[in-house]
Amino acid sequence: MCLAAPSRVIEVRAGTAVTECFGLRREVSLLLLDEEIAVGDYLLIQAGGFAFERIDSARAQESLALMQELMAEHDDARRWGESA
């Protein structure tokens, strides 16, 4: 199973985009997409660095908020020596 965190497009180049997710930037391929991608769009990206789906901003924000909440809970559990 693969979990893809929505990544926000911060720059579009020829066939690629620079994206940001949780403060990490990376360049990804747009080869698998058949639609125009613009700065501010959110993409789901495969482990190999290929964007495979554009998702709407509301869905992306909801997913990112939930992921942040889960990561914070995991960090709290580790701090108190609980198993995650």
N, C-alpha and C. Protein backbone atom coordinates (compact mmCIF):
# COMPACT_ATOMS: atom_id res chain seq x y z
N MET A 1 0.84 -1.17 0.00
CA MET A 1 0.00 0.00 0.00
C MET A 1 0.90 1.24 0.00
N CYS A 2 0.44 2.25 -0.71
CA CYS A 2 1.20 3.49 -0.80
C CYS A 2 0.31 4.63 -0.30
N LEU A 3 0.87 5.50 0.52
CA LEU A 3 0.16 6.66 1.00
C LEU A 3 0.77 7.89 0.35
N ALA A 4 -0.03 8.65 -0.37
CA ALA A 4 0.47 9.84 -1.05
C ALA A 4 -0.06 11.08 -0.35
N ALA A 5 0.84 11.90 0.16
CA ALA A 5 0.45 13.17 0.76
C ALA A 5 0.32 14.20 -0.35
N PRO A 6 -0.76 14.98 -0.36
CA PRO A 6 -0.90 16.01 -1.38
C PRO A 6 0.27 17.00 -1.34
N SER A 7 0.80 17.29 -2.50
CA SER A 7 1.93 18.21 -2.62
C SER A 7 1.50 19.42 -3.45
N ARG A 8 1.80 20.61 -2.95
CA ARG A 8 1.40 21.86 -3.64
C ARG A 8 2.43 22.24 -4.69
N VAL A 9 1.97 22.57 -5.87
CA VAL A 9 2.85 22.98 -6.96
C VAL A 9 3.33 24.41 -6.69
N ILE A 10 4.65 24.59 -6.68
CA ILE A 10 5.19 25.94 -6.48
C ILE A 10 5.89 26.47 -7.73
N GLU A 11 6.13 25.59 -8.70
CA GLU A 11 6.73 26.02 -9.97
C GLU A 11 6.43 24.96 -11.02
N VAL A 12 6.08 25.40 -12.22
CA VAL A 12 5.84 24.49 -13.34
C VAL A 12 6.94 24.69 -14.36
N ARG A 13 7.52 23.60 -14.80
CA ARG A 13 8.58 23.62 -15.81
C ARG A 13 8.12 22.77 -16.99
N ALA A 14 8.97 22.61 -17.97
CA ALA A 14 8.64 21.79 -19.15
C ALA A 14 8.60 20.32 -18.75
N GLY A 15 7.38 19.78 -18.58
CA GLY A 15 7.22 18.36 -18.26
C GLY A 15 7.42 18.00 -16.81
N THR A 16 7.77 18.97 -15.97
CA THR A 16 7.96 18.69 -14.55
C THR A 16 7.36 19.84 -13.73
N ALA A 17 7.28 19.60 -12.44
CA ALA A 17 6.84 20.65 -11.51
C ALA A 17 7.66 20.52 -10.23
N VAL A 18 7.87 21.64 -9.58
CA VAL A 18 8.48 21.63 -8.25
C VAL A 18 7.32 21.69 -7.27
N THR A 19 7.30 20.74 -6.33
CA THR A 19 6.22 20.66 -5.36
C THR A 19 6.76 20.78 -3.94
N GLU A 20 5.85 21.08 -3.01
CA GLU A 20 6.21 21.21 -1.60
C GLU A 20 5.18 20.47 -0.77
N CYS A 21 5.67 19.72 0.21
CA CYS A 21 4.79 19.02 1.13
C CYS A 21 5.50 18.92 2.48
N PHE A 22 4.89 19.44 3.52
CA PHE A 22 5.47 19.44 4.87
C PHE A 22 6.87 20.03 4.87
N GLY A 23 7.07 21.08 4.07
CA GLY A 23 8.35 21.79 4.04
C GLY A 23 9.41 21.18 3.14
N LEU A 24 9.12 20.04 2.54
CA LEU A 24 10.08 19.39 1.64
C LEU A 24 9.72 19.69 0.19
N ARG A 25 10.71 20.12 -0.57
CA ARG A 25 10.49 20.39 -2.00
C ARG A 25 11.13 19.30 -2.84
N ARG A 26 10.46 18.99 -3.95
CA ARG A 26 11.06 18.06 -4.90
C ARG A 26 10.48 18.30 -6.29
N GLU A 27 11.29 17.92 -7.27
CA GLU A 27 10.86 18.03 -8.66
C GLU A 27 10.21 16.71 -9.07
N VAL A 28 9.04 16.79 -9.67
CA VAL A 28 8.30 15.59 -10.06
C VAL A 28 7.94 15.65 -11.53
N SER A 29 7.77 14.48 -12.12
CA SER A 29 7.38 14.37 -13.52
C SER A 29 5.87 14.54 -13.67
N LEU A 30 5.47 15.22 -14.73
CA LEU A 30 4.06 15.39 -15.07
C LEU A 30 3.64 14.48 -16.22
N LEU A 31 4.49 13.55 -16.59
CA LEU A 31 4.28 12.68 -17.74
C LEU A 31 2.96 11.91 -17.69
N LEU A 32 2.51 11.51 -16.51
CA LEU A 32 1.30 10.70 -16.40
C LEU A 32 0.00 11.51 -16.40
N LEU A 33 0.11 12.83 -16.37
CA LEU A 33 -1.09 13.67 -16.32
C LEU A 33 -1.44 14.18 -17.71
N ASP A 34 -2.74 14.23 -18.01
CA ASP A 34 -3.18 14.72 -19.31
C ASP A 34 -3.93 16.05 -19.18
N GLU A 35 -3.67 16.77 -18.09
CA GLU A 35 -4.33 18.05 -17.86
C GLU A 35 -3.29 19.12 -17.54
N GLU A 36 -3.67 20.37 -17.72
CA GLU A 36 -2.78 21.49 -17.40
C GLU A 36 -2.59 21.57 -15.89
N ILE A 37 -1.37 21.80 -15.49
CA ILE A 37 -1.04 21.96 -14.08
C ILE A 37 -0.55 23.39 -13.88
N ALA A 38 -0.99 24.02 -12.79
CA ALA A 38 -0.62 25.41 -12.51
C ALA A 38 -0.09 25.54 -11.09
N VAL A 39 0.65 26.61 -10.86
CA VAL A 39 1.13 26.92 -9.52
C VAL A 39 -0.09 27.01 -8.59
N GLY A 40 0.01 26.37 -7.43
CA GLY A 40 -1.09 26.35 -6.48
C GLY A 40 -1.92 25.08 -6.52
N ASP A 41 -1.84 24.31 -7.61
CA ASP A 41 -2.54 23.03 -7.69
C ASP A 41 -1.92 22.06 -6.68
N TYR A 42 -2.71 21.05 -6.31
CA TYR A 42 -2.22 19.97 -5.45
C TYR A 42 -2.18 18.68 -6.25
N LEU A 43 -1.08 17.95 -6.10
CA LEU A 43 -0.88 16.70 -6.83
C LEU A 43 -0.62 15.55 -5.86
N LEU A 44 -1.03 14.35 -6.28
CA LEU A 44 -0.62 13.13 -5.59
C LEU A 44 0.53 12.55 -6.41
N ILE A 45 1.58 12.11 -5.72
CA ILE A 45 2.81 11.70 -6.39
C ILE A 45 3.21 10.29 -5.96
N GLN A 46 3.53 9.46 -6.96
CA GLN A 46 4.01 8.11 -6.68
C GLN A 46 5.42 8.17 -6.10
N ALA A 47 5.81 7.08 -5.45
CA ALA A 47 7.13 7.01 -4.83
C ALA A 47 8.24 7.27 -5.85
N GLY A 48 8.05 6.94 -7.11
CA GLY A 48 9.07 7.13 -8.13
C GLY A 48 9.20 8.57 -8.62
N GLY A 49 8.36 9.47 -8.11
CA GLY A 49 8.45 10.87 -8.50
C GLY A 49 7.57 11.26 -9.66
N PHE A 50 6.52 10.47 -9.94
CA PHE A 50 5.57 10.78 -11.00
C PHE A 50 4.26 11.24 -10.40
N ALA A 51 3.81 12.45 -10.75
CA ALA A 51 2.49 12.91 -10.32
C ALA A 51 1.46 12.09 -11.08
N PHE A 52 0.44 11.58 -10.36
CA PHE A 52 -0.55 10.75 -11.04
C PHE A 52 -1.98 11.28 -10.93
N GLU A 53 -2.20 12.30 -10.09
CA GLU A 53 -3.55 12.85 -9.96
C GLU A 53 -3.48 14.27 -9.41
N ARG A 54 -4.31 15.14 -9.97
CA ARG A 54 -4.50 16.48 -9.41
C ARG A 54 -5.75 16.40 -8.55
N ILE A 55 -5.69 16.96 -7.33
CA ILE A 55 -6.86 16.95 -6.45
C ILE A 55 -7.23 18.38 -6.07
N ASP A 56 -8.49 18.58 -5.70
CA ASP A 56 -8.91 19.94 -5.38
C ASP A 56 -8.34 20.38 -4.04
N SER A 57 -8.24 21.67 -3.89
CA SER A 57 -7.58 22.28 -2.74
C SER A 57 -8.23 21.88 -1.41
N ALA A 58 -9.55 21.84 -1.37
CA ALA A 58 -10.25 21.50 -0.12
C ALA A 58 -9.91 20.08 0.32
N ARG A 59 -9.94 19.16 -0.61
CA ARG A 59 -9.60 17.77 -0.29
C ARG A 59 -8.14 17.66 0.16
N ALA A 60 -7.25 18.38 -0.52
CA ALA A 60 -5.84 18.36 -0.16
C ALA A 60 -5.63 18.91 1.26
N GLN A 61 -6.26 20.04 1.57
CA GLN A 61 -6.11 20.65 2.89
C GLN A 61 -6.64 19.73 3.99
N GLU A 62 -7.76 19.09 3.72
CA GLU A 62 -8.34 18.15 4.69
C GLU A 62 -7.39 16.97 4.95
N SER A 63 -6.84 16.43 3.88
CA SER A 63 -5.90 15.30 4.01
C SER A 63 -4.64 15.71 4.76
N LEU A 64 -4.09 16.88 4.42
CA LEU A 64 -2.87 17.35 5.09
C LEU A 64 -3.10 17.61 6.57
N ALA A 65 -4.26 18.17 6.92
CA ALA A 65 -4.57 18.43 8.32
C ALA A 65 -4.67 17.12 9.10
N LEU A 66 -5.31 16.12 8.52
CA LEU A 66 -5.43 14.83 9.18
C LEU A 66 -4.05 14.17 9.34
N MET A 67 -3.22 14.26 8.32
CA MET A 67 -1.87 13.69 8.41
C MET A 67 -1.06 14.39 9.49
N GLN A 68 -1.18 15.72 9.58
CA GLN A 68 -0.46 16.46 10.63
C GLN A 68 -0.93 16.04 12.01
N GLU A 69 -2.22 15.85 12.16
CA GLU A 69 -2.78 15.41 13.44
C GLU A 69 -2.23 14.03 13.82
N LEU A 70 -2.22 13.11 12.86
CA LEU A 70 -1.71 11.76 13.13
C LEU A 70 -0.23 11.78 13.46
N MET A 71 0.55 12.61 12.76
CA MET A 71 1.98 12.70 13.05
C MET A 71 2.22 13.29 14.44
N ALA A 72 1.41 14.26 14.83
CA ALA A 72 1.54 14.86 16.16
C ALA A 72 1.21 13.84 17.24
N GLU A 73 0.18 13.05 17.03
CA GLU A 73 -0.17 11.99 18.00
C GLU A 73 0.95 10.97 18.10
N HIS A 74 1.53 10.61 16.98
CA HIS A 74 2.64 9.65 16.98
C HIS A 74 3.83 10.22 17.73
N ASP A 75 4.15 11.48 17.51
CA ASP A 75 5.26 12.14 18.20
C ASP A 75 5.01 12.19 19.71
N ASP A 76 3.76 12.50 20.10
CA ASP A 76 3.42 12.54 21.53
C ASP A 76 3.59 11.16 22.16
N ALA A 77 3.14 10.12 21.47
CA ALA A 77 3.25 8.76 22.00
C ALA A 77 4.71 8.37 22.15
N ARG A 78 5.55 8.74 21.21
CA ARG A 78 6.98 8.42 21.30
C ARG A 78 7.63 9.16 22.46
N ARG A 79 7.23 10.40 22.69
CA ARG A 79 7.77 11.17 23.80
C ARG A 79 7.48 10.54 25.14
N TRP A 80 6.30 9.94 25.27
CA TRP A 80 5.89 9.36 26.53
C TRP A 80 6.17 7.86 26.60
N GLY A 81 6.89 7.33 25.61
CA GLY A 81 7.32 5.94 25.64
C GLY A 81 6.23 4.94 25.34
N GLU A 82 5.14 5.41 24.74
CA GLU A 82 4.05 4.51 24.36
C GLU A 82 4.37 3.89 23.00
N SER A 83 3.82 2.74 22.72
CA SER A 83 4.00 2.17 21.39
C SER A 83 3.00 2.83 20.45
N ALA A 84 3.46 3.07 19.22
CA ALA A 84 2.59 3.75 18.25
C ALA A 84 1.85 2.77 17.40
